[in-house]
Structures are given as structure tokens and as C-alpha cells.
C-alpha atoms as a PDB file:
ATOM      1  CA  MET A   1       0.251   0.047  -0.364  1.00  0.00           C
ATOM      2  CA  ALA A   2       1.581   3.460  -1.364  1.00  0.00           C
ATOM      3  CA  TYR A   3       1.775   6.172   1.320  1.00  0.00           C
ATOM      4  CA  ASP A   4       0.742   9.491   1.414  1.00  0.00           C
ATOM      5  CA  GLU A   5       3.798  10.922   0.529  1.00  0.00           C
ATOM      6  CA  GLY A   6       2.976  14.808   1.221  1.00  0.00           C
ATOM      7  CA  LEU A   7       1.631  14.557   4.157  1.00  0.00           C
ATOM      8  CA  ALA A   8       5.071  11.770   5.080  1.00  0.00           C
ATOM      9  CA  GLU A   9       6.751  15.604   4.110  1.00  0.00           C
ATOM     10  CA  ARG A  10       4.570  17.487   6.345  1.00  0.00           C
ATOM     11  CA  VAL A  11       5.158  15.462   9.425  1.00  0.00           C
ATOM     12  CA  ARG A  12       9.147  15.725   8.489  1.00  0.00           C
ATOM     13  CA  GLN A  13       9.247  19.285   8.540  1.00  0.00           C
ATOM     14  CA  TYR A  14       7.620  19.737  11.897  1.00  0.00           C
ATOM     15  CA  LEU A  15       9.713  17.372  13.666  1.00  0.00           C
ATOM     16  CA  GLY A  16      12.669  18.796  11.647  1.00  0.00           C
ATOM     17  CA  ALA A  17      16.298  17.959  12.495  1.00  0.00           C
ATOM     18  CA  ASP A  18      15.339  16.728  15.893  1.00  0.00           C
ATOM     19  CA  PRO A  19      18.129  13.890  16.198  1.00  0.00           C
ATOM     20  CA  GLY A  20      16.111  11.794  18.415  1.00  0.00           C
ATOM     21  CA  VAL A  21      13.711  11.431  15.185  1.00  0.00           C
ATOM     22  CA  THR A  22      14.456   8.541  12.596  1.00  0.00           C
ATOM     23  CA  GLU A  23      12.511   7.304  10.071  1.00  0.00           C
ATOM     24  CA  LYS A  24      11.875   3.498   9.239  1.00  0.00           C
ATOM     25  CA  ARG A  25       9.106   1.947   6.570  1.00  0.00           C
ATOM     26  CA  MET A  26       6.380  -0.309   8.218  1.00  0.00           C
ATOM     27  CA  PHE A  27       2.664  -1.394   8.087  1.00  0.00           C
ATOM     28  CA  GLY A  28       2.587  -0.475   4.411  1.00  0.00           C
ATOM     29  CA  GLY A  29       4.127   3.347   4.776  1.00  0.00           C
ATOM     30  CA  ILE A  30       6.561   4.872   7.211  1.00  0.00           C
ATOM     31  CA  ALA A  31       6.459   5.698  10.524  1.00  0.00           C
ATOM     32  CA  PHE A  32       8.760   8.272  12.699  1.00  0.00           C
ATOM     33  CA  LEU A  33      10.097   7.093  15.631  1.00  0.00           C
ATOM     34  CA  PHE A  34      11.240   9.014  19.026  1.00  0.00           C
ATOM     35  CA  GLN A  35      14.221   7.423  20.683  1.00  0.00           C
ATOM     36  CA  GLY A  36      13.564   3.977  19.005  1.00  0.00           C
ATOM     37  CA  ASN A  37       9.865   3.957  19.725  1.00  0.00           C
ATOM     38  CA  MET A  38       7.107   4.498  17.231  1.00  0.00           C
ATOM     39  CA  ALA A  39       5.413   8.531  17.933  1.00  0.00           C
ATOM     40  CA  VAL A  40       3.617   8.710  14.838  1.00  0.00           C
ATOM     41  CA  GLY A  41       3.383   7.307  11.053  1.00  0.00           C
ATOM     42  CA  VAL A  42       1.562   7.702   7.706  1.00  0.00           C
ATOM     43  CA  THR A  43       0.074   5.063   5.992  1.00  0.00           C
ATOM     44  CA  GLY A  44      -2.189   5.561   3.151  1.00  0.00           C
ATOM     45  CA  ASP A  45      -4.047   8.514   3.017  1.00  0.00           C
ATOM     46  CA  ASP A  46      -4.212   8.443   7.096  1.00  0.00           C
ATOM     47  CA  LEU A  47      -1.699   9.075  10.236  1.00  0.00           C
ATOM     48  CA  MET A  48      -1.516   6.645  13.083  1.00  0.00           C
ATOM     49  CA  VAL A  49      -0.696   7.701  16.279  1.00  0.00           C
ATOM     50  CA  ARG A  50       0.850   5.938  19.008  1.00  0.00           C
ATOM     51  CA  VAL A  51      -1.161   7.167  22.598  1.00  0.00           C
ATOM     52  CA  GLY A  52      -1.003   5.029  24.846  1.00  0.00           C
ATOM     53  CA  PRO A  53      -3.569   2.467  26.453  1.00  0.00           C
ATOM     54  CA  ASP A  54      -4.555   5.437  28.912  1.00  0.00           C
ATOM     55  CA  ALA A  55      -5.355   7.536  26.227  1.00  0.00           C
ATOM     56  CA  THR A  56      -6.827   5.691  24.068  1.00  0.00           C
ATOM     57  CA  ASP A  57     -10.494   6.418  24.844  1.00  0.00           C
ATOM     58  CA  ALA A  58      -9.554  10.259  24.355  1.00  0.00           C
ATOM     59  CA  ALA A  59      -8.285   9.998  21.277  1.00  0.00           C
ATOM     60  CA  LEU A  60     -10.883   8.034  19.928  1.00  0.00           C
ATOM     61  CA  ALA A  61     -13.512  10.949  21.270  1.00  0.00           C
ATOM     62  CA  ARG A  62     -11.978  13.506  18.630  1.00  0.00           C
ATOM     63  CA  PRO A  63     -13.169  13.747  15.087  1.00  0.00           C
ATOM     64  CA  GLY A  64     -11.940  11.057  12.213  1.00  0.00           C
ATOM     65  CA  THR A  65     -10.391   8.738  14.743  1.00  0.00           C
ATOM     66  CA  ARG A  66     -10.156   5.436  14.887  1.00  0.00           C
ATOM     67  CA  LEU A  67      -8.611   2.399  16.814  1.00  0.00           C
ATOM     68  CA  PHE A  68      -5.570   0.803  14.748  1.00  0.00           C
ATOM     69  CA  ASP A  69      -6.307  -2.586  12.857  1.00  0.00           C
ATOM     70  CA  MET A  70      -4.404  -4.162  10.688  1.00  0.00           C
ATOM     71  CA  THR A  71      -4.801  -7.639  11.433  1.00  0.00           C
ATOM     72  CA  GLY A  72      -8.660  -8.319  12.712  1.00  0.00           C
ATOM     73  CA  ARG A  73      -7.446  -7.536  16.156  1.00  0.00           C
ATOM     74  CA  PRO A  74      -8.056  -3.601  17.473  1.00  0.00           C
ATOM     75  CA  THR A  75      -4.733  -2.148  19.086  1.00  0.00           C
ATOM     76  CA  ARG A  76      -5.788  -0.449  21.971  1.00  0.00           C
ATOM     77  CA  GLY A  77      -3.138   2.584  22.297  1.00  0.00           C
ATOM     78  CA  TRP A  78      -2.596   3.057  19.177  1.00  0.00           C
ATOM     79  CA  VAL A  79      -4.923   4.733  16.694  1.00  0.00           C
ATOM     80  CA  VAL A  80      -5.706   6.221  13.440  1.00  0.00           C
ATOM     81  CA  VAL A  81      -6.213  10.120  12.120  1.00  0.00           C
ATOM     82  CA  ALA A  82      -8.008  10.753   9.291  1.00  0.00           C
ATOM     83  CA  GLY A  83      -6.312  12.151   6.808  1.00  0.00           C
ATOM     84  CA  ALA A  84      -9.262  15.084   6.093  1.00  0.00           C
ATOM     85  CA  ALA A  85      -9.123  15.257   9.969  1.00  0.00           C
ATOM     86  CA  VAL A  86      -5.066  16.913   9.928  1.00  0.00           C
ATOM     87  CA  THR A  87      -4.973  18.911   7.062  1.00  0.00           C
ATOM     88  CA  GLU A  88      -4.485  22.051   9.238  1.00  0.00           C
ATOM     89  CA  ASP A  89      -1.373  22.571  10.521  1.00  0.00           C
ATOM     90  CA  GLU A  90      -2.498  22.659  14.222  1.00  0.00           C
ATOM     91  CA  ALA A  91      -4.139  19.253  14.298  1.00  0.00           C
ATOM     92  CA  LEU A  92      -1.331  17.514  12.611  1.00  0.00           C
ATOM     93  CA  ARG A  93       0.901  19.179  15.598  1.00  0.00           C
ATOM     94  CA  ALA A  94      -1.287  18.340  18.406  1.00  0.00           C
ATOM     95  CA  TRP A  95      -1.230  14.685  17.087  1.00  0.00           C
ATOM     96  CA  ILE A  96       2.649  14.715  16.624  1.00  0.00           C
ATOM     97  CA  ASP A  97       3.254  15.954  19.847  1.00  0.00           C
ATOM     98  CA  GLU A  98       0.729  13.603  21.868  1.00  0.00           C
ATOM     99  CA  GLY A  99       2.658  10.689  19.712  1.00  0.00           C
ATOM    100  CA  ARG A 100       6.134  11.998  20.548  1.00  0.00           C
ATOM    101  CA  ALA A 101       5.398  12.405  24.418  1.00  0.00           C
ATOM    102  CA  PHE A 102       4.079   9.066  24.613  1.00  0.00           C
ATOM    103  CA  ALA A 103       7.422   7.104  22.803  1.00  0.00           C
ATOM    104  CA  ALA A 104       9.310   9.776  24.783  1.00  0.00           C
ATOM    105  CA  SER A 105       7.833   8.260  28.060  1.00  0.00           C
ATOM    106  CA  LEU A 106       8.954   4.951  27.115  1.00  0.00           C
ATOM    107  CA  PRO A 107      12.784   3.975  27.260  1.00  0.00           C
ATOM    108  CA  ALA A 108      14.858   4.800  24.318  1.00  0.00           C
ATOM    109  CA  LYS A 109      15.570   1.523  22.533  1.00  0.00           C
END
């Protein structure tokens, strides 16, 4: 599955030259890892965000979200945000910040 290169580029621009961020192809798209832990990714036209199990319900209450599910088994702690919900830079930044904050709370790999 191809991924939205424009959305991926917007994520790259926001993350800038942060030395803790790396990119890796995963889930048929591109993932952005912070200190070795996935924070956000782009799959298809959508943004994947790792919010953590405790923040899943609050994340799902926001517009354009659904539980991440690639195998028929939804994964708490991960949400998919529809590309249409992150067309505004402010919305995209909020999701990236949330994903990076959760990844930063984990031990570095």
C-alpha cells in the first residue's frame, strides 16, 4: 500500500532535524520513531498515532479517529486519524506532539 507522501513530508517538516527522530518503513507506510519508539506514522492517506493505552478513549473521542487495526485485532494505544482530520497544520502538530510525548515516556531503544 502506498502512503501519502505529502502528509509524510509535513510530518518531516514539523519534526525538523530532531536528532532523536528516525524514519522506518512499516505497516505499508512510513513510521517516525522517537528514541527508537514509534510515535507517528503515515499509512495510506491517514496518520497513525501511538497515544498509549490510557489515552486511547480520549483520542477516539476526537474527530476522524478510529482504533488501529491491521490484523482484525484492534490495538489499544494506537489510533488512526483520517487524513481529512489533519489538513490543518495545528491539528497535525497536536497529534504529532501527542505521539512524540508518549514515545518519549518509554525507555529509549
